[in-house]
Protein backbone atom coordinates (compact mmCIF):
# COMPACT_ATOMS: atom_id res chain seq x y z
CA MET A 1 -6.47 41.31 -33.63
CA ASN A 2 -5.77 38.02 -31.93
CA ALA A 3 -6.65 37.84 -28.10
CA PRO A 4 -3.59 37.56 -25.90
CA LEU A 5 -2.57 33.94 -25.06
CA SER A 6 -3.64 32.71 -21.60
CA GLN A 7 -0.90 31.80 -19.22
CA PRO A 8 -0.88 28.16 -18.09
CA GLU A 9 -1.89 29.04 -14.55
CA ASN A 10 -4.83 30.82 -15.92
CA ILE A 11 -5.97 27.94 -18.16
CA ALA A 12 -5.57 25.61 -15.05
CA GLN A 13 -7.70 27.77 -12.92
CA ARG A 14 -10.51 27.97 -15.73
CA VAL A 15 -10.61 24.42 -16.89
CA LEU A 16 -9.32 22.27 -14.01
CA ARG A 17 -11.59 21.20 -11.00
CA GLN A 18 -11.27 23.44 -8.04
CA ASP A 19 -10.83 20.55 -5.67
CA ILE A 20 -7.93 19.37 -7.49
CA GLN A 21 -6.26 22.81 -7.52
CA SER A 22 -6.61 22.80 -3.72
CA MET A 23 -4.97 19.41 -3.31
CA HIS A 24 -1.31 18.49 -2.83
CA ALA A 25 0.46 16.00 -4.93
CA TYR A 26 1.89 12.84 -3.47
CA ALA A 27 5.32 13.90 -2.06
CA ILE A 28 8.43 11.91 -2.79
CA GLN A 29 11.45 12.88 -0.71
CA GLU A 30 14.88 13.54 -2.37
CA SER A 31 17.25 10.65 -1.46
CA GLN A 32 20.30 10.84 -3.41
CA GLY A 33 23.33 10.29 -1.33
CA MET A 34 21.19 9.14 1.72
CA VAL A 35 20.66 5.91 3.40
CA LYS A 36 17.03 5.55 2.14
CA LEU A 37 14.79 4.18 4.75
CA ASP A 38 11.71 5.98 4.09
CA ALA A 39 9.64 4.18 1.56
CA MET A 40 9.48 0.42 2.78
CA GLU A 41 11.59 -0.83 -0.08
CA ASN A 42 13.39 -4.03 -0.07
CA PRO A 43 17.08 -3.05 0.37
CA HIS A 44 18.45 -6.15 -1.38
CA ARG A 45 19.30 -6.23 -5.10
CA LEU A 46 19.28 -9.17 -7.42
CA PRO A 47 22.50 -11.24 -7.24
CA LEU A 48 24.80 -10.34 -10.24
CA GLN A 49 24.18 -13.59 -11.93
CA LEU A 50 20.46 -13.05 -11.83
CA GLN A 51 20.83 -9.42 -13.03
CA GLN A 52 22.77 -10.61 -16.05
CA GLU A 53 20.21 -13.42 -16.80
CA LEU A 54 17.23 -11.02 -16.50
CA GLY A 55 19.07 -8.40 -18.70
CA ARG A 56 19.38 -11.04 -21.54
CA ARG A 57 15.62 -11.82 -21.27
CA LEU A 58 14.54 -8.26 -21.37
CA GLY A 59 16.75 -7.53 -24.33
CA ALA A 60 15.12 -10.38 -26.27
CA LEU A 61 11.58 -8.93 -25.76
CA ALA A 62 9.60 -7.74 -28.73
CA LEU A 63 9.30 -4.06 -27.60
CA ASN A 64 7.68 -3.20 -30.84
CA ARG A 65 4.50 -5.02 -30.04
CA TYR A 66 1.83 -4.30 -27.46
CA PRO A 67 1.73 -6.55 -24.53
CA GLY A 68 -0.18 -9.83 -25.21
CA HIS A 69 -0.53 -13.38 -23.81
CA GLN A 70 2.49 -12.72 -21.57
CA VAL A 71 0.35 -10.78 -19.13
CA ASP A 72 -2.12 -13.66 -18.88
CA THR A 73 0.84 -15.82 -18.17
CA LEU A 74 1.86 -13.49 -15.21
CA ARG A 75 -1.77 -13.52 -14.03
CA ALA A 76 -1.65 -17.32 -13.80
CA ALA A 77 1.76 -17.27 -12.20
CA LEU A 78 0.62 -14.81 -9.54
CA ALA A 79 -2.56 -16.70 -8.80
CA ALA A 80 -0.60 -19.90 -8.27
CA HIS A 81 2.09 -18.04 -6.25
CA ALA A 82 -0.59 -16.61 -3.96
CA GLY A 83 -2.71 -19.75 -3.77
CA MET A 84 -5.79 -18.02 -5.19
CA PRO A 85 -8.97 -19.56 -3.78
CA ASP A 86 -11.47 -21.39 -6.03
CA GLY A 87 -14.06 -19.23 -7.69
CA CYS A 88 -11.78 -16.18 -7.84
CA ASP A 89 -10.15 -14.36 -10.47
CA ILE A 90 -7.16 -11.96 -10.62
CA MET A 91 -6.46 -8.61 -12.25
CA LEU A 92 -3.31 -6.65 -12.52
CA GLY A 93 -2.53 -3.03 -11.89
CA ASN A 94 0.40 -0.61 -12.42
CA GLY A 95 1.07 -0.90 -8.72
CA SER A 96 -1.60 -1.22 -6.15
CA ASP A 97 -2.31 2.65 -6.54
CA GLU A 98 -3.92 2.02 -9.97
CA LEU A 99 -6.11 -0.74 -8.53
CA ILE A 100 -7.18 1.69 -5.73
CA SER A 101 -7.96 4.33 -8.38
CA LEU A 102 -9.90 1.90 -10.51
CA LEU A 103 -12.12 0.82 -7.55
CA ALA A 104 -12.85 4.44 -6.73
CA MET A 105 -13.79 4.98 -10.42
CA ALA A 106 -16.02 1.90 -10.40
CA CYS A 107 -17.87 2.97 -7.26
CA ASP A 108 -18.67 6.60 -8.25
CA VAL A 109 -22.38 6.04 -8.24
CA PRO A 110 -25.36 8.49 -7.73
CA ALA A 111 -26.63 9.22 -4.17
CA ASP A 112 -28.84 6.43 -2.85
CA ALA A 113 -32.66 6.71 -1.99
CA GLN A 114 -31.79 8.53 1.11
CA GLY A 115 -29.68 11.17 -0.52
CA ARG A 116 -26.36 9.74 0.75
CA PRO A 117 -23.52 10.02 -1.77
CA ALA A 118 -21.08 7.08 -2.40
CA CYS A 119 -18.18 7.06 0.05
CA ILE A 120 -15.16 5.11 0.87
CA LEU A 121 -14.32 4.25 4.44
CA ALA A 122 -11.10 3.19 6.07
CA PRO A 123 -9.49 3.41 9.62
CA VAL A 124 -7.10 6.33 10.15
CA PRO A 125 -4.10 6.77 10.24
CA GLY A 126 -3.88 4.52 7.18
CA PHE A 127 -2.52 4.54 3.60
CA VAL A 128 -2.93 7.94 2.14
CA MET A 129 -4.12 6.64 -1.34
CA TYR A 130 -7.42 5.42 0.09
CA ALA A 131 -8.60 8.99 0.81
CA MET A 132 -6.72 10.55 -2.21
CA SER A 133 -8.40 8.08 -4.64
CA ALA A 134 -11.80 8.99 -3.23
CA LYS A 135 -11.19 12.67 -3.47
CA LEU A 136 -9.80 12.50 -6.97
CA GLN A 137 -12.96 10.74 -8.05
CA GLY A 138 -15.21 13.21 -6.37
CA LEU A 139 -16.27 10.77 -3.53
CA ASP A 140 -16.62 11.23 0.14
CA PHE A 141 -13.96 9.79 2.45
CA VAL A 142 -14.82 8.71 6.01
CA GLY A 143 -11.83 8.04 8.22
CA VAL A 144 -12.48 6.29 11.42
CA PRO A 145 -9.79 6.88 14.06
CA LEU A 146 -8.01 3.83 15.40
CA THR A 147 -7.59 3.49 19.21
CA ALA A 148 -4.73 5.16 21.05
CA ASP A 149 -2.70 1.92 20.65
CA PHE A 150 -3.55 1.72 16.85
CA GLU A 151 -6.08 -1.00 17.12
CA LEU A 152 -9.30 -1.01 15.24
CA ASP A 153 -12.21 0.71 17.12
CA GLU A 154 -14.84 -1.86 16.58
CA ALA A 155 -17.78 0.03 17.82
CA ALA A 156 -16.79 3.06 15.84
CA MET A 157 -16.18 1.16 12.64
CA LEU A 158 -19.56 -0.72 12.83
CA SER A 159 -21.43 2.58 13.52
CA ALA A 160 -19.80 4.10 10.75
CA ILE A 161 -20.53 1.37 8.26
CA GLY A 162 -24.26 1.48 9.37
CA THR A 163 -24.39 5.21 9.06
CA HIS A 164 -22.61 5.80 5.69
CA ARG A 165 -23.13 2.47 3.99
CA PRO A 166 -19.92 2.92 2.23
CA ALA A 167 -19.23 1.56 -1.27
CA ILE A 168 -15.80 0.37 -0.15
CA VAL A 169 -14.20 -0.34 3.30
CA TYR A 170 -10.46 -0.71 3.15
CA LEU A 171 -8.46 -2.76 5.78
CA ALA A 172 -4.70 -2.70 5.47
CA TYR A 173 -3.36 -6.01 6.94
CA PRO A 174 -0.76 -5.00 8.23
CA ASN A 175 -1.51 -1.30 8.31
CA ASN A 176 0.66 1.53 7.04
CA PRO A 177 2.09 3.44 8.95
CA THR A 178 1.37 1.60 12.14
CA ALA A 179 2.78 -1.77 10.87
CA ASN A 180 0.32 -3.92 12.99
CA LEU A 181 -2.03 -6.73 12.27
CA TRP A 182 -5.41 -6.04 13.77
CA ASP A 183 -7.50 -8.40 15.79
CA ASP A 184 -9.01 -11.08 13.37
CA ASP A 185 -12.40 -11.26 15.26
CA VAL A 186 -12.84 -7.48 14.88
CA ILE A 187 -12.03 -7.80 11.19
CA ALA A 188 -14.52 -10.53 10.81
CA ALA A 189 -17.23 -8.41 12.39
CA ILE A 190 -16.48 -5.54 10.02
CA ILE A 191 -16.64 -7.98 7.09
CA ASP A 192 -20.02 -9.06 8.10
CA ALA A 193 -21.16 -5.46 8.69
CA GLN A 194 -20.11 -4.38 5.26
CA ALA A 195 -21.85 -7.43 3.64
CA ARG A 196 -25.10 -6.21 5.37
CA ALA A 197 -24.48 -2.75 4.03
CA GLY A 198 -24.17 -4.10 0.55
CA GLY A 199 -20.64 -2.74 -0.19
CA LEU A 200 -17.20 -4.01 -0.98
CA LEU A 201 -14.43 -4.70 1.43
CA VAL A 202 -10.81 -4.63 0.33
CA MET A 203 -8.20 -6.37 2.34
CA ASP A 204 -4.92 -4.69 1.40
CA GLU A 205 -1.90 -7.05 2.04
CA ALA A 206 0.88 -4.98 0.53
CA TYR A 207 3.20 -6.17 3.45
CA GLN A 208 2.30 -9.79 3.33
CA PRO A 209 5.87 -11.05 2.88
CA PHE A 210 6.73 -9.81 6.33
CA ALA A 211 3.48 -10.75 8.25
CA SER A 212 2.79 -13.79 10.36
CA ARG A 213 -0.49 -14.54 8.63
CA SER A 214 -2.72 -13.70 5.66
CA TRP A 215 -6.42 -13.33 5.36
CA ILE A 216 -6.44 -15.46 2.24
CA ASP A 217 -6.70 -18.51 4.44
CA ARG A 218 -10.03 -17.37 5.79
CA ILE A 219 -11.36 -16.40 2.37
CA ARG A 220 -10.42 -19.94 1.19
CA ALA A 221 -12.12 -21.49 4.27
CA GLU A 222 -15.36 -19.37 4.08
CA PRO A 223 -16.06 -18.28 0.38
CA GLN A 224 -19.64 -17.37 0.88
CA ARG A 225 -18.87 -15.10 3.86
CA HIS A 226 -16.25 -13.35 1.72
CA ARG A 227 -18.33 -13.11 -1.49
CA HIS A 228 -18.03 -9.07 -1.31
CA VAL A 229 -14.22 -9.06 -0.39
CA LEU A 230 -11.30 -8.28 -2.58
CA LEU A 231 -7.69 -9.15 -1.52
CA MET A 232 -5.01 -6.92 -2.89
CA ARG A 233 -1.24 -7.39 -2.93
CA THR A 234 1.77 -5.81 -4.64
CA MET A 235 5.15 -7.07 -5.83
CA SER A 236 6.81 -3.84 -4.60
CA LYS A 237 7.34 -5.24 -1.08
CA PHE A 238 8.12 -8.71 -2.60
CA GLY A 239 11.22 -6.82 -3.88
CA LEU A 240 10.19 -5.19 -7.16
CA ALA A 241 9.28 -1.66 -6.24
CA GLY A 242 10.65 -0.31 -9.33
CA VAL A 243 8.67 -2.73 -11.51
CA ARG A 244 5.16 -1.57 -10.46
CA ILE A 245 2.96 -4.67 -10.34
CA GLY A 246 -0.14 -4.76 -8.14
CA TYR A 247 -2.65 -7.50 -8.24
CA MET A 248 -6.19 -7.98 -6.83
CA MET A 249 -8.05 -11.31 -6.23
CA GLY A 250 -11.77 -11.85 -5.65
CA PRO A 251 -14.99 -13.53 -6.74
CA LYS A 252 -14.93 -13.76 -10.64
CA ALA A 253 -18.04 -11.66 -11.12
CA LEU A 254 -16.69 -8.75 -9.10
CA ILE A 255 -13.19 -8.85 -10.68
CA ALA A 256 -14.82 -8.93 -14.18
CA GLU A 257 -16.76 -5.79 -13.47
CA VAL A 258 -13.77 -3.76 -12.22
CA ASP A 259 -11.49 -5.10 -14.95
CA LYS A 260 -13.60 -3.27 -17.43
CA LEU A 261 -12.10 -0.03 -16.23
CA ARG A 262 -8.50 -1.18 -16.59
CA PRO A 263 -6.63 0.64 -19.33
CA PRO A 264 -5.69 -1.68 -22.22
CA TYR A 265 -1.92 -2.67 -22.02
CA ASN A 266 -1.51 -1.19 -18.52
CA ILE A 267 1.29 -3.70 -17.82
CA SER A 268 4.38 -3.34 -20.02
CA VAL A 269 6.07 -6.40 -21.47
CA LEU A 270 9.23 -5.25 -19.49
CA ASN A 271 7.43 -5.21 -16.21
CA SER A 272 5.64 -8.47 -16.74
CA GLU A 273 8.88 -10.12 -17.75
CA CYS A 274 10.59 -8.87 -14.72
CA ALA A 275 7.72 -10.21 -12.44
CA LEU A 276 7.75 -13.58 -14.18
CA PHE A 277 11.45 -13.80 -13.69
CA ALA A 278 11.02 -13.01 -10.01
CA LEU A 279 8.39 -15.68 -9.53
CA GLU A 280 10.79 -18.20 -11.07
CA HIS A 281 13.36 -17.40 -8.31
CA THR A 282 10.95 -17.05 -5.36
CA GLY A 283 13.57 -18.71 -3.14
CA VAL A 284 15.86 -15.63 -3.48
CA PHE A 285 13.16 -13.25 -2.50
CA ALA A 286 11.93 -15.41 0.24
CA ALA A 287 15.39 -15.39 1.71
CA GLN A 288 15.59 -11.57 1.52
CA ALA A 289 12.23 -11.32 3.21
CA ALA A 290 13.41 -13.70 5.95
CA ASP A 291 16.53 -11.51 6.41
CA ILE A 292 14.33 -8.37 6.71
CA ARG A 293 12.09 -10.04 9.30
CA ALA A 294 15.26 -10.93 11.28
CA GLN A 295 16.65 -7.43 10.93
CA ARG A 296 13.33 -6.04 12.09
CA GLU A 297 13.55 -7.91 15.26
CA GLN A 298 17.12 -6.73 15.92
CA VAL A 299 16.16 -3.22 15.38
CA LEU A 300 13.10 -3.60 17.59
CA ALA A 301 15.27 -4.90 20.29
CA ALA A 302 17.78 -1.98 20.00
CA LEU A 303 14.98 0.60 20.02
CA GLY A 304 13.55 -0.87 23.14
CA LEU A 305 16.94 0.00 24.93
CA MET A 306 17.00 3.60 23.52
CA PRO A 307 15.78 6.28 26.05
CA GLY A 308 13.33 8.61 24.57
CA VAL A 309 11.89 6.15 22.04
CA ASN A 310 8.80 4.16 22.15
CA ALA A 311 8.67 1.57 19.29
CA TYR A 312 5.50 -0.27 18.36
CA PRO A 313 5.12 -3.78 17.41
CA SER A 314 5.58 -4.52 13.63
CA GLN A 315 4.46 -7.13 11.28
CA ALA A 316 5.77 -5.30 8.29
CA ASN A 317 9.16 -4.05 6.89
CA MET A 318 8.73 -0.79 8.85
CA ILE A 319 8.63 0.30 12.46
CA LEU A 320 6.80 3.09 13.85
CA ILE A 321 8.28 5.00 16.73
CA ARG A 322 7.26 7.82 18.89
CA VAL A 323 10.09 10.09 20.21
CA CYS A 324 10.14 12.35 23.28
CA GLY A 325 10.04 15.92 22.02
CA ASP A 326 9.88 17.19 18.64
CA ALA A 327 9.83 14.54 15.84
CA ALA A 328 10.63 17.14 13.09
CA ARG A 329 13.81 18.00 14.96
CA VAL A 330 14.79 14.36 15.22
CA PHE A 331 13.92 13.87 11.54
CA ASP A 332 16.06 16.80 10.50
CA GLY A 333 18.87 15.57 12.76
CA MET A 334 18.84 12.08 11.02
CA LYS A 335 18.64 13.63 7.57
CA ALA A 336 21.78 15.85 8.35
CA ARG A 337 23.48 12.50 9.21
CA LYS A 338 22.51 11.24 5.80
CA VAL A 339 19.74 8.89 6.85
CA LEU A 340 16.34 9.43 5.41
CA VAL A 341 13.26 8.20 7.21
CA LYS A 342 9.65 9.26 7.14
CA ASN A 343 8.26 11.94 9.46
CA VAL A 344 4.53 10.94 9.74
CA SER A 345 3.88 13.14 12.81
CA GLY A 346 1.75 15.55 10.79
CA LEU A 347 -0.56 13.00 9.08
CA HIS A 348 -2.90 12.33 11.94
CA PRO A 349 -3.18 13.51 15.59
CA LEU A 350 -2.62 9.89 16.78
CA LEU A 351 0.83 10.13 15.09
CA ALA A 352 2.06 13.02 17.00
CA ASN A 353 5.91 12.89 17.34
CA CYS A 354 6.03 9.70 15.36
CA LEU A 355 8.58 8.65 12.72
CA ARG A 356 8.37 5.60 10.37
CA LEU A 357 11.64 3.72 9.87
CA THR A 358 11.99 1.21 6.94
CA VAL A 359 13.88 -1.83 7.93
CA GLY A 360 17.05 -1.90 5.77
CA THR A 361 20.26 -4.12 5.62
CA ALA A 362 22.23 -4.74 8.71
CA ASP A 363 24.60 -1.95 7.78
CA GLU A 364 21.95 0.41 7.02
CA ASN A 365 20.05 -0.30 10.29
CA ALA A 366 23.26 0.36 12.25
CA LEU A 367 23.65 3.85 10.54
CA MET A 368 19.93 4.44 11.12
CA LEU A 369 20.17 3.70 14.83
CA ALA A 370 23.26 5.71 15.34
CA ALA A 371 21.69 8.62 13.66
CA LEU A 372 18.46 8.27 15.74
CA LYS A 373 20.42 8.08 18.88
CA ALA A 374 22.53 11.20 18.03
CA SER A 375 19.51 13.10 16.91
CA LEU A 376 17.34 12.59 20.04
């Protein structure tokens, strides 16, 4: 007589890692019918003429073939667009998330001579995928708290690097969700400390289109000092969140090793053609980024006049605010008024009663400010 079939939940309990079963999946909020200002997306769509032109190009692609030389064409175009420093190479990911996962996979090495397991280190609060990628790979994650005003704690960072000798240190420039650019001298000290520790340092410039400066200029000026540094960007904030293209630049020898882990054909012909098309029309996207930066300053000015709200300086397309009272109540009030933002108050103690607002169009921002004021 055949044994009874196991239920899916029983199979999961038996064969899947216990730490995976105890984790929570990355949450995406339902946004249909809402003013969507929760995910740092570019609110502008392509002009109609460009939509039609892109549609014709996508329709002509050979979808029956695996991606080929087109991906190398995109790599070259992105390297030129970013001004990739000499001696560096570039690799592509299905969004920056895949690159972060591949880096964790690459650094899953045995414990060192002192019995210390490999770990990933980053300031917190920060991008949740740094910690999640470490945990999914079975690595330790060390989060070093920022100061009360969301600056890097230099002494704590240097101490943690010396103690844990992390395989990777992540620095987001600007940071998510705090939206600030940290002090360059402190960053330089951390880069030097990680070099002495013998690990990688990743500068994550996801929000570079909205920031006043980029670390790539320092890499170009001091290549030897940055021989262990990788710089990561994404086309999501450029304006192609739905296309899922992330890219990472760094010394050729390092990129060559990490690239061995990249799945074959990880970038589809549709995605790469969309990205190439966008790079041929950088003026359109530059104008969109300029509008978002201008809108950001207007929203910050309005928030500065709003009682019960403390808005923090921003170099990204988002603004972190702290509200008087219960952030969850304010979030629910805005959601009831059909405006969706991000309640980050539970992510870290430093973010108590904080909400993260994406900068949208002028009309969207006006609705967001009205909903916030009514919900306080």
